[in-house]
Amino acid sequence: IIKDYMTPDPEALMEDDPIAFAMNKMIDGG
């Protein structure tokens, strides 16, 4: 079951978030 391997309530982005915000979130959160 996929649910067994998914992160519950993961960090997410909105489609109008800036690229810099996405990069920052990815780098800070790993």
PDB file of all heavy atoms in Angstrom:
ATOM      1  N   ILE A   1       0.854  -1.193   0.000  1.00  0.00           N
ATOM      2  CA  ILE A   1       0.000   0.000   0.000  1.00  0.00           C
ATOM      3  C   ILE A   1       0.888   1.241   0.000  1.00  0.00           C
ATOM      4  O   ILE A   1       1.783   1.382   0.844  1.00  0.00           O
ATOM      5  CB  ILE A   1      -0.927  -0.010   1.230  1.00  0.00           C
ATOM      6  CG1 ILE A   1      -1.820  -1.240   1.164  1.00  0.00           C
ATOM      7  CG2 ILE A   1      -1.743   1.273   1.309  1.00  0.00           C
ATOM      8  CD1 ILE A   1      -2.629  -1.474   2.414  1.00  0.00           C
ATOM      9  N   ILE A   2       0.660   2.124  -0.936  1.00  0.00           N
ATOM     10  CA  ILE A   2       1.465   3.338  -1.079  1.00  0.00           C
ATOM     11  C   ILE A   2       1.451   4.164   0.193  1.00  0.00           C
ATOM     12  O   ILE A   2       2.476   4.694   0.615  1.00  0.00           O
ATOM     13  CB  ILE A   2       0.966   4.168  -2.277  1.00  0.00           C
ATOM     14  CG1 ILE A   2       1.202   3.406  -3.574  1.00  0.00           C
ATOM     15  CG2 ILE A   2       1.654   5.525  -2.318  1.00  0.00           C
ATOM     16  CD1 ILE A   2       0.574   4.034  -4.779  1.00  0.00           C
ATOM     17  N   LYS A   3       0.304   4.261   0.828  1.00  0.00           N
ATOM     18  CA  LYS A   3       0.152   5.069   2.041  1.00  0.00           C
ATOM     19  C   LYS A   3       1.172   4.686   3.118  1.00  0.00           C
ATOM     20  O   LYS A   3       1.624   5.532   3.886  1.00  0.00           O
ATOM     21  CB  LYS A   3      -1.269   4.913   2.586  1.00  0.00           C
ATOM     22  CG  LYS A   3      -1.557   5.719   3.828  1.00  0.00           C
ATOM     23  CD  LYS A   3      -3.004   5.574   4.252  1.00  0.00           C
ATOM     24  CE  LYS A   3      -3.123   4.332   5.090  1.00  0.00           C
ATOM     25  NZ  LYS A   3      -4.394   4.190   5.780  1.00  0.00           N
ATOM     26  N   ASP A   4       1.573   3.427   3.149  1.00  0.00           N
ATOM     27  CA  ASP A   4       2.533   2.965   4.151  1.00  0.00           C
ATOM     28  C   ASP A   4       3.925   3.550   3.945  1.00  0.00           C
ATOM     29  O   ASP A   4       4.763   3.489   4.840  1.00  0.00           O
ATOM     30  CB  ASP A   4       2.626   1.435   4.140  1.00  0.00           C
ATOM     31  CG  ASP A   4       1.336   0.775   4.604  1.00  0.00           C
ATOM     32  OD1 ASP A   4       0.516   1.451   5.263  1.00  0.00           O
ATOM     33  OD2 ASP A   4       1.150  -0.422   4.289  1.00  0.00           O
ATOM     34  N   TYR A   5       4.199   4.103   2.776  1.00  0.00           N
ATOM     35  CA  TYR A   5       5.526   4.632   2.461  1.00  0.00           C
ATOM     36  C   TYR A   5       5.529   6.133   2.232  1.00  0.00           C
ATOM     37  O   TYR A   5       6.585   6.719   2.007  1.00  0.00           O
ATOM     38  CB  TYR A   5       6.102   3.922   1.234  1.00  0.00           C
ATOM     39  CG  TYR A   5       6.353   2.470   1.532  1.00  0.00           C
ATOM     40  CD1 TYR A   5       5.368   1.512   1.298  1.00  0.00           C
ATOM     41  CD2 TYR A   5       7.549   2.065   2.104  1.00  0.00           C
ATOM     42  CE1 TYR A   5       5.593   0.188   1.603  1.00  0.00           C
ATOM     43  CE2 TYR A   5       7.771   0.737   2.416  1.00  0.00           C
ATOM     44  CZ  TYR A   5       6.784  -0.200   2.159  1.00  0.00           C
ATOM     45  OH  TYR A   5       6.997  -1.512   2.472  1.00  0.00           O
ATOM     46  N   MET A   6       4.376   6.760   2.286  1.00  0.00           N
ATOM     47  CA  MET A   6       4.277   8.198   2.064  1.00  0.00           C
ATOM     48  C   MET A   6       4.490   8.961   3.358  1.00  0.00           C
ATOM     49  O   MET A   6       4.192   8.472   4.441  1.00  0.00           O
ATOM     50  CB  MET A   6       2.902   8.551   1.494  1.00  0.00           C
ATOM     51  CG  MET A   6       2.684   8.052   0.091  1.00  0.00           C
ATOM     52  SD  MET A   6       1.025   8.422  -0.524  1.00  0.00           S
ATOM     53  CE  MET A   6       0.963  10.177  -0.359  1.00  0.00           C
ATOM     54  N   THR A   7       4.995  10.185   3.228  1.00  0.00           N
ATOM     55  CA  THR A   7       5.112  11.087   4.364  1.00  0.00           C
ATOM     56  C   THR A   7       3.737  11.674   4.635  1.00  0.00           C
ATOM     57  O   THR A   7       3.133  12.277   3.747  1.00  0.00           O
ATOM     58  CB  THR A   7       6.099  12.229   4.039  1.00  0.00           C
ATOM     59  OG1 THR A   7       7.356  11.659   3.717  1.00  0.00           O
ATOM     60  CG2 THR A   7       6.221  13.191   5.199  1.00  0.00           C
ATOM     61  N   PRO A   8       3.217  11.499   5.858  1.00  0.00           N
ATOM     62  CA  PRO A   8       1.912  12.085   6.150  1.00  0.00           C
ATOM     63  C   PRO A   8       2.022  13.608   6.239  1.00  0.00           C
ATOM     64  O   PRO A   8       2.983  14.135   6.793  1.00  0.00           O
ATOM     65  CB  PRO A   8       1.531  11.471   7.498  1.00  0.00           C
ATOM     66  CG  PRO A   8       2.812  11.011   8.097  1.00  0.00           C
ATOM     67  CD  PRO A   8       3.767  10.754   6.978  1.00  0.00           C
ATOM     68  N   ASP A   9       1.072  14.311   5.665  1.00  0.00           N
ATOM     69  CA  ASP A   9       1.011  15.774   5.691  1.00  0.00           C
ATOM     70  C   ASP A   9       2.363  16.405   5.341  1.00  0.00           C
ATOM     71  O   ASP A   9       2.967  17.114   6.150  1.00  0.00           O
ATOM     72  CB  ASP A   9       0.537  16.254   7.064  1.00  0.00           C
ATOM     73  CG  ASP A   9       0.100  17.707   7.032  1.00  0.00           C
ATOM     74  OD1 ASP A   9      -0.381  18.168   5.984  1.00  0.00           O
ATOM     75  OD2 ASP A   9       0.269  18.398   8.058  1.00  0.00           O
ATOM     76  N   PRO A  10       2.862  16.159   4.122  1.00  0.00           N
ATOM     77  CA  PRO A  10       4.185  16.666   3.747  1.00  0.00           C
ATOM     78  C   PRO A  10       4.194  18.185   3.570  1.00  0.00           C
ATOM     79  O   PRO A  10       3.148  18.809   3.375  1.00  0.00           O
ATOM     80  CB  PRO A  10       4.450  15.981   2.411  1.00  0.00           C
ATOM     81  CG  PRO A  10       3.090  15.783   1.836  1.00  0.00           C
ATOM     82  CD  PRO A  10       2.205  15.491   3.019  1.00  0.00           C
ATOM     83  N   GLU A  11       5.396  18.764   3.636  1.00  0.00           N
ATOM     84  CA  GLU A  11       5.565  20.163   3.269  1.00  0.00           C
ATOM     85  C   GLU A  11       5.071  20.297   1.838  1.00  0.00           C
ATOM     86  O   GLU A  11       5.254  19.385   1.028  1.00  0.00           O
ATOM     87  CB  GLU A  11       7.042  20.554   3.321  1.00  0.00           C
ATOM     88  CG  GLU A  11       7.639  20.527   4.693  1.00  0.00           C
ATOM     89  CD  GLU A  11       7.357  21.800   5.473  1.00  0.00           C
ATOM     90  OE1 GLU A  11       7.049  22.840   4.857  1.00  0.00           O
ATOM     91  OE2 GLU A  11       7.447  21.744   6.698  1.00  0.00           O
ATOM     92  N   ALA A  12       4.467  21.423   1.513  1.00  0.00           N
ATOM     93  CA  ALA A  12       3.937  21.607   0.163  1.00  0.00           C
ATOM     94  C   ALA A  12       4.105  23.063  -0.254  1.00  0.00           C
ATOM     95  O   ALA A  12       4.340  23.938   0.578  1.00  0.00           O
ATOM     96  CB  ALA A  12       2.464  21.202   0.115  1.00  0.00           C
ATOM     97  N   LEU A  13       3.968  23.282  -1.535  1.00  0.00           N
ATOM     98  CA  LEU A  13       4.032  24.625  -2.114  1.00  0.00           C
ATOM     99  C   LEU A  13       2.733  24.911  -2.842  1.00  0.00           C
ATOM    100  O   LEU A  13       2.067  23.996  -3.321  1.00  0.00           O
ATOM    101  CB  LEU A  13       5.189  24.714  -3.111  1.00  0.00           C
ATOM    102  CG  LEU A  13       6.596  24.530  -2.550  1.00  0.00           C
ATOM    103  CD1 LEU A  13       7.581  24.290  -3.683  1.00  0.00           C
ATOM    104  CD2 LEU A  13       6.992  25.737  -1.740  1.00  0.00           C
ATOM    105  N   MET A  14       2.413  26.190  -2.922  1.00  0.00           N
ATOM    106  CA  MET A  14       1.271  26.629  -3.725  1.00  0.00           C
ATOM    107  C   MET A  14       1.800  26.912  -5.131  1.00  0.00           C
ATOM    108  O   MET A  14       2.972  27.234  -5.302  1.00  0.00           O
ATOM    109  CB  MET A  14       0.652  27.897  -3.140  1.00  0.00           C
ATOM    110  CG  MET A  14       0.240  27.760  -1.679  1.00  0.00           C
ATOM    111  SD  MET A  14      -1.080  26.582  -1.422  1.00  0.00           S
ATOM    112  CE  MET A  14      -2.464  27.505  -2.036  1.00  0.00           C
ATOM    113  N   GLU A  15       0.941  26.820  -6.142  1.00  0.00           N
ATOM    114  CA  GLU A  15       1.417  26.984  -7.511  1.00  0.00           C
ATOM    115  C   GLU A  15       1.902  28.398  -7.812  1.00  0.00           C
ATOM    116  O   GLU A  15       2.658  28.610  -8.760  1.00  0.00           O
ATOM    117  CB  GLU A  15       0.358  26.561  -8.526  1.00  0.00           C
ATOM    118  CG  GLU A  15      -0.888  27.402  -8.537  1.00  0.00           C
ATOM    119  CD  GLU A  15      -1.908  26.889  -9.539  1.00  0.00           C
ATOM    120  OE1 GLU A  15      -1.511  26.312 -10.562  1.00  0.00           O
ATOM    121  OE2 GLU A  15      -3.095  27.058  -9.290  1.00  0.00           O
ATOM    122  N   ASP A  16       1.548  29.376  -6.986  1.00  0.00           N
ATOM    123  CA  ASP A  16       2.028  30.736  -7.231  1.00  0.00           C
ATOM    124  C   ASP A  16       3.183  31.134  -6.309  1.00  0.00           C
ATOM    125  O   ASP A  16       3.589  32.293  -6.273  1.00  0.00           O
ATOM    126  CB  ASP A  16       0.883  31.739  -7.123  1.00  0.00           C
ATOM    127  CG  ASP A  16       0.181  31.714  -5.780  1.00  0.00           C
ATOM    128  OD1 ASP A  16       0.452  30.806  -4.973  1.00  0.00           O
ATOM    129  OD2 ASP A  16      -0.645  32.611  -5.539  1.00  0.00           O
ATOM    130  N   ASP A  17       3.747  30.171  -5.578  1.00  0.00           N
ATOM    131  CA  ASP A  17       4.940  30.450  -4.766  1.00  0.00           C
ATOM    132  C   ASP A  17       6.124  30.715  -5.694  1.00  0.00           C
ATOM    133  O   ASP A  17       6.251  30.087  -6.741  1.00  0.00           O
ATOM    134  CB  ASP A  17       5.278  29.262  -3.850  1.00  0.00           C
ATOM    135  CG  ASP A  17       4.365  29.170  -2.644  1.00  0.00           C
ATOM    136  OD1 ASP A  17       3.785  30.202  -2.255  1.00  0.00           O
ATOM    137  OD2 ASP A  17       4.230  28.062  -2.095  1.00  0.00           O
ATOM    138  N   PRO A  18       7.012  31.634  -5.304  1.00  0.00           N
ATOM    139  CA  PRO A  18       8.177  31.915  -6.149  1.00  0.00           C
ATOM    140  C   PRO A  18       9.186  30.770  -6.142  1.00  0.00           C
ATOM    141  O   PRO A  18       9.255  29.984  -5.185  1.00  0.00           O
ATOM    142  CB  PRO A  18       8.786  33.171  -5.532  1.00  0.00           C
ATOM    143  CG  PRO A  18       8.127  33.372  -4.220  1.00  0.00           C
ATOM    144  CD  PRO A  18       6.909  32.513  -4.159  1.00  0.00           C
ATOM    145  N   ILE A  19       9.966  30.689  -7.200  1.00  0.00           N
ATOM    146  CA  ILE A  19      11.003  29.666  -7.328  1.00  0.00           C
ATOM    147  C   ILE A  19      11.967  29.734  -6.146  1.00  0.00           C
ATOM    148  O   ILE A  19      12.379  28.703  -5.611  1.00  0.00           O
ATOM    149  CB  ILE A  19      11.782  29.854  -8.656  1.00  0.00           C
ATOM    150  CG1 ILE A  19      10.869  29.623  -9.854  1.00  0.00           C
ATOM    151  CG2 ILE A  19      13.004  28.955  -8.712  1.00  0.00           C
ATOM    152  CD1 ILE A  19      10.473  28.200 -10.089  1.00  0.00           C
ATOM    153  N   ALA A  20      12.326  30.940  -5.730  1.00  0.00           N
ATOM    154  CA  ALA A  20      13.262  31.096  -4.607  1.00  0.00           C
ATOM    155  C   ALA A  20      12.702  30.446  -3.348  1.00  0.00           C
ATOM    156  O   ALA A  20      13.443  29.842  -2.569  1.00  0.00           O
ATOM    157  CB  ALA A  20      13.562  32.571  -4.361  1.00  0.00           C
ATOM    158  N   PHE A  21      11.412  30.540  -3.149  1.00  0.00           N
ATOM    159  CA  PHE A  21      10.776  29.930  -1.980  1.00  0.00           C
ATOM    160  C   PHE A  21      10.875  28.405  -2.070  1.00  0.00           C
ATOM    161  O   PHE A  21      11.165  27.733  -1.085  1.00  0.00           O
ATOM    162  CB  PHE A  21       9.315  30.382  -1.896  1.00  0.00           C
ATOM    163  CG  PHE A  21       8.620  29.960  -0.643  1.00  0.00           C
ATOM    164  CD1 PHE A  21       8.971  30.497   0.585  1.00  0.00           C
ATOM    165  CD2 PHE A  21       7.605  29.015  -0.682  1.00  0.00           C
ATOM    166  CE1 PHE A  21       8.322  30.103   1.749  1.00  0.00           C
ATOM    167  CE2 PHE A  21       6.961  28.611   0.476  1.00  0.00           C
ATOM    168  CZ  PHE A  21       7.324  29.163   1.689  1.00  0.00           C
ATOM    169  N   ALA A  22      10.659  27.867  -3.257  1.00  0.00           N
ATOM    170  CA  ALA A  22      10.758  26.414  -3.456  1.00  0.00           C
ATOM    171  C   ALA A  22      12.182  25.938  -3.185  1.00  0.00           C
ATOM    172  O   ALA A  22      12.387  24.944  -2.485  1.00  0.00           O
ATOM    173  CB  ALA A  22      10.342  26.053  -4.882  1.00  0.00           C
ATOM    174  N   MET A  23      13.161  26.657  -3.717  1.00  0.00           N
ATOM    175  CA  MET A  23      14.557  26.263  -3.504  1.00  0.00           C
ATOM    176  C   MET A  23      14.921  26.317  -2.024  1.00  0.00           C
ATOM    177  O   MET A  23      15.563  25.414  -1.502  1.00  0.00           O
ATOM    178  CB  MET A  23      15.479  27.178  -4.304  1.00  0.00           C
ATOM    179  CG  MET A  23      15.396  26.943  -5.783  1.00  0.00           C
ATOM    180  SD  MET A  23      16.497  28.003  -6.713  1.00  0.00           S
ATOM    181  CE  MET A  23      18.069  27.415  -6.132  1.00  0.00           C
ATOM    182  N   ASN A  24      14.507  27.381  -1.359  1.00  0.00           N
ATOM    183  CA  ASN A  24      14.800  27.528   0.060  1.00  0.00           C
ATOM    184  C   ASN A  24      14.189  26.394   0.870  1.00  0.00           C
ATOM    185  O   ASN A  24      14.845  25.791   1.725  1.00  0.00           O
ATOM    186  CB  ASN A  24      14.296  28.882   0.556  1.00  0.00           C
ATOM    187  CG  ASN A  24      14.683  29.134   1.987  1.00  0.00           C
ATOM    188  OD1 ASN A  24      15.847  29.080   2.340  1.00  0.00           O
ATOM    189  ND2 ASN A  24      13.699  29.413   2.821  1.00  0.00           N
ATOM    190  N   LYS A  25      12.944  26.087   0.586  1.00  0.00           N
ATOM    191  CA  LYS A  25      12.254  25.013   1.315  1.00  0.00           C
ATOM    192  C   LYS A  25      12.934  23.668   1.070  1.00  0.00           C
ATOM    193  O   LYS A  25      13.108  22.869   1.982  1.00  0.00           O
ATOM    194  CB  LYS A  25      10.781  24.962   0.902  1.00  0.00           C
ATOM    195  CG  LYS A  25       9.936  24.063   1.768  1.00  0.00           C
ATOM    196  CD  LYS A  25       8.473  24.153   1.386  1.00  0.00           C
ATOM    197  CE  LYS A  25       7.798  25.345   1.986  1.00  0.00           C
ATOM    198  NZ  LYS A  25       7.170  25.094   3.267  1.00  0.00           N
ATOM    199  N   MET A  26      13.356  23.430  -0.161  1.00  0.00           N
ATOM    200  CA  MET A  26      14.012  22.161  -0.489  1.00  0.00           C
ATOM    201  C   MET A  26      15.377  22.047   0.191  1.00  0.00           C
ATOM    202  O   MET A  26      15.712  21.000   0.744  1.00  0.00           O
ATOM    203  CB  MET A  26      14.174  22.018  -1.999  1.00  0.00           C
ATOM    204  CG  MET A  26      12.884  21.774  -2.719  1.00  0.00           C
ATOM    205  SD  MET A  26      13.153  21.714  -4.479  1.00  0.00           S
ATOM    206  CE  MET A  26      12.194  20.284  -4.876  1.00  0.00           C
ATOM    207  N   ILE A  27      16.145  23.112   0.152  1.00  0.00           N
ATOM    208  CA  ILE A  27      17.482  23.076   0.745  1.00  0.00           C
ATOM    209  C   ILE A  27      17.390  22.984   2.268  1.00  0.00           C
ATOM    210  O   ILE A  27      18.040  22.138   2.886  1.00  0.00           O
ATOM    211  CB  ILE A  27      18.311  24.297   0.297  1.00  0.00           C
ATOM    212  CG1 ILE A  27      18.626  24.161  -1.188  1.00  0.00           C
ATOM    213  CG2 ILE A  27      19.590  24.424   1.122  1.00  0.00           C
ATOM    214  CD1 ILE A  27      19.183  25.408  -1.824  1.00  0.00           C
ATOM    215  N   ASP A  28      16.572  23.833   2.871  1.00  0.00           N
ATOM    216  CA  ASP A  28      16.440  23.813   4.336  1.00  0.00           C
ATOM    217  C   ASP A  28      15.871  22.500   4.849  1.00  0.00           C
ATOM    218  O   ASP A  28      16.301  21.987   5.873  1.00  0.00           O
ATOM    219  CB  ASP A  28      15.556  24.968   4.821  1.00  0.00           C
ATOM    220  CG  ASP A  28      16.283  26.301   4.819  1.00  0.00           C
ATOM    221  OD1 ASP A  28      17.515  26.313   4.613  1.00  0.00           O
ATOM    222  OD2 ASP A  28      15.611  27.329   5.026  1.00  0.00           O
ATOM    223  N   GLY A  29      14.902  21.951   4.130  1.00  0.00           N
ATOM    224  CA  GLY A  29      14.251  20.722   4.576  1.00  0.00           C
ATOM    225  C   GLY A  29      14.928  19.452   4.098  1.00  0.00           C
ATOM    226  O   GLY A  29      14.577  18.361   4.527  1.00  0.00           O
ATOM    227  N   GLY A  30      15.885  19.580   3.171  1.00  0.00           N
ATOM    228  CA  GLY A  30      16.552  18.402   2.628  1.00  0.00           C
ATOM    229  C   GLY A  30      15.642  17.595   1.714  1.00  0.00           C
ATOM    230  O   GLY A  30      15.785  16.382   1.599  1.00  0.00           O
TER     231      GLY A  30
END
